[in-house]
Structure formats: structure tokens, C-alpha cells
Amino acid sequence: MEQANPEEMELGKGAVDLVEESENKDLELQEDSADFNPLLKAALIGDTEEVQHIFEDSEDPDNDKATEFLKVTDVVGRSLLYTTCMSGQSDVIRTMARYGVDLKETTVRGYTLLHCAAAWGQLETLRTLIELEADIYATTFRGEKARDIAYRYNKTECVEFLDWAEAKQNLRNFISQIQATITDPEKVQGRLNKEDKNTSLKACQAKSDWLESIKEPTMEDFLDQKQQLEEIMLPIFTKLATPRGQDSVVNKKIGNPSEIYK
């Protein structure tokens, strides 16, 4: 008998359709009280009202067990959140997020909800998870991000979306890093004048405003905006990289302006 691939077990690839299985065995699951997880059943069929009911109705017999249901994991460490993502129940994920579920949890081998949604080609679930601030940079034990998993399983739309989302997050992170550095006296150490600080903060604000107002930006738009910001900041980064007391600007090139934050 062919042995199951542990990695594919974790991603759920090769398994039967969990939604269909849940529907076909609905009665059997209800009768087996020892193994029955009502929260999982509601999640698999996309019943957001029942999910809310379990969490919010103190008279529901399952209310006091809602947290326990969330913590139940399978042999590779997947909670019901993984099954929900693999089955593409985005509304359920959004609903459960209101009750403090950990959308950044990982399995024992480092797979996240994003990795599983990407492997199964669940584009809308990926959009939901990113909107809810799941970690797009998280990597598995192989060093693979969700984007790499989507690529491996030929989920082209998911690859494109994750590339887009990472470019957007990179711009956001760069803005935040600049703001944190410019306003930190220990990092500035008197090497910048008021004009430098104003230039930096205004540039960051302009890019933040752009992020808020832009409609349907492309990945290239995010890359272009980040490059523009890097160009504005380059002379200021150079000042920050120059040891105090030196009057002349350092001659060496700064290959990547972001390196100053490391």
C-alpha cells in the first residue's frame, strides 16, 4: 500500500472533498456524540448563523465548548480553521475572526491558513485572510511562503494575488519603517535637520494617502510607489549611514536603502 505523503496530508491534498463528506455523513456525525464537532459542521457547510449562535447564545448547549472545538486538531496539527480555509468558506473565516481566533496559527511543519488556502486554490479565502492581516511572509519548514505553495500546485490566480498582496504589504512596511526611524532620536542621533525630517514624513504621508485612495492598483503600481519613496529617501538614508562627526557624505553606494533598518 502506498504511504501517504506527510506534507500533502498537512495541506489536505489528495483527501476527499471535506464539504461533500460532511454533508453525506450528516446524520452519522450527529449520532456520534464523542467525535461530533458542531462548530466544524457549521463551518464546512458555510452556516455563519450557526457559528454565531454557538459563540454568542449562552443557552446553546455547545456555547461553553466553543473554544474547545476551535482547539481540536488532527494528527498533523490542523484545527478546524484549516478545513474551513481548504473548503473555501470565507464568510465563516470572517465570522470566526470576530471571536478572537488565531489566523496566524501554524501546524507542526509551519503551514498556515494561507498555505492551505493557496494549495487548494481558494482565491476568495486568500483575499479574506490577507484582509484580516494573516502573515503573508510566513514560511513552512521548507522555507516556502503561501505564494510558493500556490505556484507548486499551479494555482495561477492565487500566485498573482499573493504577489500583488506582498508588494502592497512591502510598501506599507517600508512607510512604517521610515516613520519609526525618523521619529526615533536614538536612530537619528542628530544627523538629520528639520527639513530632512519633514521631507521624510511628508513623503510617507503622501504614499499612505495614495494607498488609501487608489482604486484597483496593480502590483507594478506598488513597486513604482516604493521605488519613488526610496529615491526620495536615498540622500536621507545616506546621512543616517554616515558616522557622526564626518562632514562628507559616505562615498559608498547604498545598494538597498532599506538595509539601514537592519
Protein backbone atom coordinates (compact mmCIF):
# COMPACT_ATOMS: atom_id res chain seq x y z
CA MET A 1 0.00 0.00 0.00
CA GLU A 2 1.36 3.43 -0.94
CA GLN A 3 2.34 5.51 2.06
CA ALA A 4 0.72 8.93 2.45
CA ASN A 5 2.91 11.96 1.91
CA PRO A 6 3.07 13.82 5.28
CA GLU A 7 3.27 17.17 3.54
CA GLU A 8 0.23 16.51 1.37
CA MET A 9 -1.62 15.29 4.45
CA GLU A 10 -0.91 18.65 6.06
CA LEU A 11 -2.12 20.62 3.08
CA GLY A 12 -5.06 18.31 2.67
CA LYS A 13 -4.18 17.49 -0.94
CA GLY A 14 -5.41 14.11 -2.12
CA ALA A 15 -8.06 13.92 0.61
CA VAL A 16 -11.76 13.52 -0.17
CA ASP A 17 -13.83 16.66 -0.53
CA LEU A 18 -14.45 17.56 3.10
CA VAL A 19 -17.58 19.56 2.39
CA GLU A 20 -19.20 16.72 0.49
CA GLU A 21 -18.12 14.21 3.14
CA SER A 22 -19.65 16.36 5.87
CA GLU A 23 -22.96 16.61 4.01
CA ASN A 24 -23.10 12.90 3.13
CA LYS A 25 -22.45 11.82 6.72
CA ASP A 26 -24.52 14.46 8.40
CA LEU A 27 -26.72 12.06 10.34
CA GLU A 28 -23.85 9.80 11.34
CA LEU A 29 -21.90 12.73 12.75
CA GLN A 30 -24.84 13.86 14.82
CA GLU A 31 -25.30 10.39 16.27
CA ASP A 32 -21.65 10.01 17.22
CA SER A 33 -21.54 12.44 20.13
CA ALA A 34 -17.96 11.56 21.06
CA ASP A 35 -16.48 12.72 17.76
CA PHE A 36 -19.08 15.28 16.76
CA ASN A 37 -17.85 18.87 16.44
CA PRO A 38 -20.87 21.10 15.73
CA LEU A 39 -18.65 24.12 15.05
CA LEU A 40 -16.76 22.18 12.37
CA LYS A 41 -20.01 21.01 10.76
CA ALA A 42 -21.38 24.56 10.65
CA ALA A 43 -18.08 25.85 9.24
CA LEU A 44 -17.91 23.24 6.48
CA ILE A 45 -21.37 23.99 5.14
CA GLY A 46 -20.88 27.76 5.45
CA ASP A 47 -23.52 28.24 8.14
CA THR A 48 -22.35 31.56 9.60
CA GLU A 49 -25.54 31.97 11.61
CA GLU A 50 -24.92 28.69 13.43
CA VAL A 51 -21.30 29.67 14.08
CA GLN A 52 -22.52 32.93 15.63
CA HIS A 53 -25.16 31.06 17.60
CA ILE A 54 -22.62 28.67 19.13
CA PHE A 55 -20.36 31.55 20.20
CA GLU A 56 -22.99 34.02 21.36
CA ASP A 57 -26.02 32.14 22.69
CA SER A 58 -25.33 31.21 26.30
CA GLU A 59 -28.29 28.82 26.19
CA ASP A 60 -26.83 26.86 23.29
CA PRO A 61 -25.60 23.51 24.68
CA ASP A 62 -22.36 23.93 22.73
CA ASN A 63 -21.68 27.50 23.82
CA ASP A 64 -19.35 26.65 26.71
CA LYS A 65 -17.38 24.29 24.45
CA ALA A 66 -16.87 26.72 21.54
CA THR A 67 -13.24 27.43 22.46
CA GLU A 68 -12.55 23.72 22.91
CA PHE A 69 -13.97 22.98 19.46
CA LEU A 70 -11.54 25.50 17.98
CA LYS A 71 -8.56 23.86 19.69
CA VAL A 72 -9.22 20.32 18.42
CA THR A 73 -6.51 19.35 15.92
CA ASP A 74 -5.83 16.40 13.65
CA VAL A 75 -2.67 14.26 13.51
CA VAL A 76 -0.68 16.97 11.70
CA GLY A 77 -1.84 19.81 13.94
CA ARG A 78 -4.61 21.35 11.85
CA SER A 79 -7.56 22.93 13.61
CA LEU A 80 -11.00 23.32 12.02
CA LEU A 81 -9.79 26.68 10.65
CA TYR A 82 -7.62 24.80 8.14
CA THR A 83 -10.54 22.69 6.95
CA THR A 84 -12.64 25.83 6.64
CA CYS A 85 -9.97 27.50 4.50
CA MET A 86 -9.44 24.45 2.31
CA SER A 87 -13.18 24.27 1.66
CA GLY A 88 -13.29 27.98 0.76
CA GLN A 89 -15.70 29.14 3.45
CA SER A 90 -14.54 32.75 3.52
CA ASP A 91 -17.63 34.13 5.29
CA VAL A 92 -17.14 31.64 8.11
CA ILE A 93 -13.49 32.66 8.47
CA ARG A 94 -14.56 36.30 8.65
CA THR A 95 -17.22 35.44 11.24
CA MET A 96 -14.88 33.41 13.44
CA ALA A 97 -12.28 36.18 13.30
CA ARG A 98 -14.68 38.29 15.36
CA TYR A 99 -14.34 35.82 18.20
CA GLY A 100 -10.58 36.07 18.53
CA VAL A 101 -9.44 33.01 16.58
CA ASP A 102 -5.74 32.99 15.74
CA LEU A 103 -5.46 33.46 11.98
CA LYS A 104 -1.67 33.22 12.22
CA GLU A 105 -1.55 29.77 13.78
CA THR A 106 0.75 27.17 12.20
CA THR A 107 0.93 23.40 12.05
CA VAL A 108 3.90 21.46 13.39
CA ARG A 109 5.58 21.80 9.98
CA GLY A 110 4.90 25.53 9.69
CA TYR A 111 1.89 25.56 7.38
CA THR A 112 -0.52 28.45 7.89
CA LEU A 113 -4.11 29.00 6.83
CA LEU A 114 -2.74 30.95 3.85
CA HIS A 115 -0.64 27.97 2.76
CA CYS A 116 -3.64 25.64 2.83
CA ALA A 117 -5.97 28.05 1.04
CA ALA A 118 -3.28 28.60 -1.59
CA ALA A 119 -2.76 24.86 -2.13
CA TRP A 120 -6.46 24.38 -2.74
CA GLY A 121 -6.77 27.42 -4.99
CA GLN A 122 -9.23 29.23 -2.73
CA LEU A 123 -8.69 32.75 -4.04
CA GLU A 124 -11.52 34.45 -2.14
CA THR A 125 -10.36 32.85 1.10
CA LEU A 126 -6.86 34.18 0.45
CA ARG A 127 -8.33 37.66 -0.06
CA THR A 128 -10.23 37.33 3.22
CA LEU A 129 -7.19 36.13 5.17
CA ILE A 130 -5.00 38.94 3.83
CA GLU A 131 -7.70 41.48 4.65
CA LEU A 132 -7.72 40.06 8.20
CA GLU A 133 -3.92 40.51 8.37
CA ALA A 134 -2.76 36.93 8.10
CA ASP A 135 1.04 36.74 7.81
CA ILE A 136 1.90 36.76 4.11
CA TYR A 137 5.61 36.29 4.91
CA ALA A 138 5.17 33.10 6.98
CA THR A 139 7.20 30.15 5.71
CA THR A 140 6.97 26.40 6.14
CA PHE A 141 9.74 24.07 7.25
CA ARG A 142 10.85 24.15 3.60
CA GLY A 143 11.07 27.94 3.64
CA GLU A 144 8.04 28.28 1.34
CA LYS A 145 5.57 31.12 1.54
CA ALA A 146 1.92 30.69 0.56
CA ARG A 147 2.81 32.09 -2.85
CA ASP A 148 5.32 29.27 -3.39
CA ILE A 149 2.73 26.67 -2.47
CA ALA A 150 0.24 28.16 -4.92
CA TYR A 151 2.92 28.07 -7.63
CA ARG A 152 3.75 24.43 -6.86
CA TYR A 153 0.12 23.40 -7.33
CA ASN A 154 -0.37 25.58 -10.44
CA LYS A 155 -2.88 27.92 -8.82
CA THR A 156 -2.07 30.81 -11.13
CA GLU A 157 -4.68 33.28 -9.87
CA CYS A 158 -3.56 32.68 -6.30
CA VAL A 159 0.08 33.25 -7.24
CA GLU A 160 -0.81 36.55 -8.92
CA PHE A 161 -2.91 37.70 -5.99
CA LEU A 162 -0.26 36.82 -3.40
CA ASP A 163 2.43 38.62 -5.42
CA TRP A 164 0.12 41.66 -5.53
CA ALA A 165 -0.63 41.47 -1.80
CA GLU A 166 3.04 41.13 -0.86
CA ALA A 167 4.00 44.13 -2.99
CA LYS A 168 1.32 46.15 -1.20
CA GLN A 169 2.49 44.97 2.22
CA ASN A 170 6.12 45.73 1.34
CA LEU A 171 5.16 49.33 0.61
CA ARG A 172 3.22 49.60 3.86
CA ASN A 173 6.11 48.14 5.83
CA PHE A 174 8.60 50.50 4.20
CA ILE A 175 6.47 53.52 5.11
CA SER A 176 6.19 52.33 8.71
CA GLN A 177 9.92 51.67 8.97
CA ILE A 178 10.76 55.15 7.74
CA GLN A 179 8.31 56.80 10.13
CA ALA A 180 9.61 54.78 13.08
CA THR A 181 13.23 55.63 12.27
CA ILE A 182 12.76 59.34 11.59
CA THR A 183 10.88 59.87 14.84
CA ASP A 184 13.37 57.86 16.94
CA PRO A 185 16.03 60.17 18.47
CA GLU A 186 18.34 57.24 19.15
CA LYS A 187 18.40 56.23 15.49
CA VAL A 188 18.64 59.77 14.14
CA GLN A 189 21.29 60.87 16.68
CA GLY A 190 21.30 64.46 15.44
CA ARG A 191 22.31 63.53 11.89
CA LEU A 192 19.16 64.94 10.29
CA ASN A 193 17.91 68.51 10.24
CA LYS A 194 14.31 69.63 10.42
CA GLU A 195 13.99 69.78 6.65
CA ASP A 196 15.16 66.16 6.30
CA LYS A 197 12.59 65.00 8.84
CA ASN A 198 9.78 66.99 7.23
CA THR A 199 10.70 65.66 3.79
CA SER A 200 10.65 62.07 5.08
CA LEU A 201 7.37 62.35 6.94
CA LYS A 202 5.61 64.20 4.12
CA ALA A 203 6.76 61.59 1.62
CA CYS A 204 5.44 58.83 3.87
CA GLN A 205 2.13 60.59 4.33
CA ALA A 206 1.78 61.07 0.59
CA LYS A 207 2.31 57.36 -0.03
CA SER A 208 -0.10 56.43 2.78
CA ASP A 209 -2.73 58.72 1.27
CA TRP A 210 -2.11 57.10 -2.11
CA LEU A 211 -2.67 53.65 -0.61
CA GLU A 212 -5.96 54.78 0.88
CA SER A 213 -7.29 56.49 -2.22
CA ILE A 214 -6.06 54.39 -5.15
CA LYS A 215 -8.66 52.27 -6.91
CA GLU A 216 -7.67 48.87 -8.29
CA PRO A 217 -3.88 49.33 -8.15
CA THR A 218 -1.63 46.80 -9.86
CA MET A 219 1.43 45.12 -8.42
CA GLU A 220 3.53 47.39 -10.63
CA ASP A 221 1.86 50.43 -9.05
CA PHE A 222 3.01 49.32 -5.59
CA LEU A 223 6.53 48.63 -6.86
CA ASP A 224 6.68 52.05 -8.54
CA GLN A 225 5.47 53.86 -5.41
CA LYS A 226 8.04 52.08 -3.26
CA GLN A 227 10.83 52.93 -5.71
CA GLN A 228 9.76 56.60 -5.72
CA LEU A 229 9.87 56.63 -1.94
CA GLU A 230 13.32 55.00 -1.93
CA GLU A 231 14.61 57.67 -4.32
CA ILE A 232 13.25 60.48 -2.11
CA MET A 233 14.78 58.87 0.96
CA LEU A 234 18.18 57.94 -0.51
CA PRO A 235 20.04 61.16 0.46
CA ILE A 236 18.47 60.99 3.93
CA PHE A 237 19.44 57.33 4.32
CA THR A 238 22.93 58.32 3.29
CA LYS A 239 23.10 60.88 6.09
CA LEU A 240 21.90 58.31 8.59
CA ALA A 241 24.52 55.86 7.39
CA THR A 242 27.30 58.43 7.83
CA PRO A 243 29.13 58.19 11.18
CA ARG A 244 28.64 61.22 13.38
CA GLY A 245 31.37 63.78 13.07
CA GLN A 246 32.01 63.16 9.39
CA ASP A 247 31.30 66.21 7.29
CA SER A 248 31.41 64.48 3.94
CA VAL A 249 28.82 62.08 2.68
CA VAL A 250 29.87 58.46 2.54
CA ASN A 251 31.09 57.59 -0.89
CA LYS A 252 29.98 54.01 -0.91
CA LYS A 253 26.70 53.23 -2.62
CA ILE A 254 23.76 52.06 -0.61
CA GLY A 255 22.58 49.14 -2.71
CA ASN A 256 19.27 48.78 -0.88
CA PRO A 257 18.06 51.78 1.15
CA SER A 258 16.02 49.50 3.37
CA GLU A 259 19.23 47.96 4.73
CA ILE A 260 19.57 50.87 7.14
CA TYR A 261 16.82 49.39 9.26
CA LYS A 262 18.60 46.08 9.82
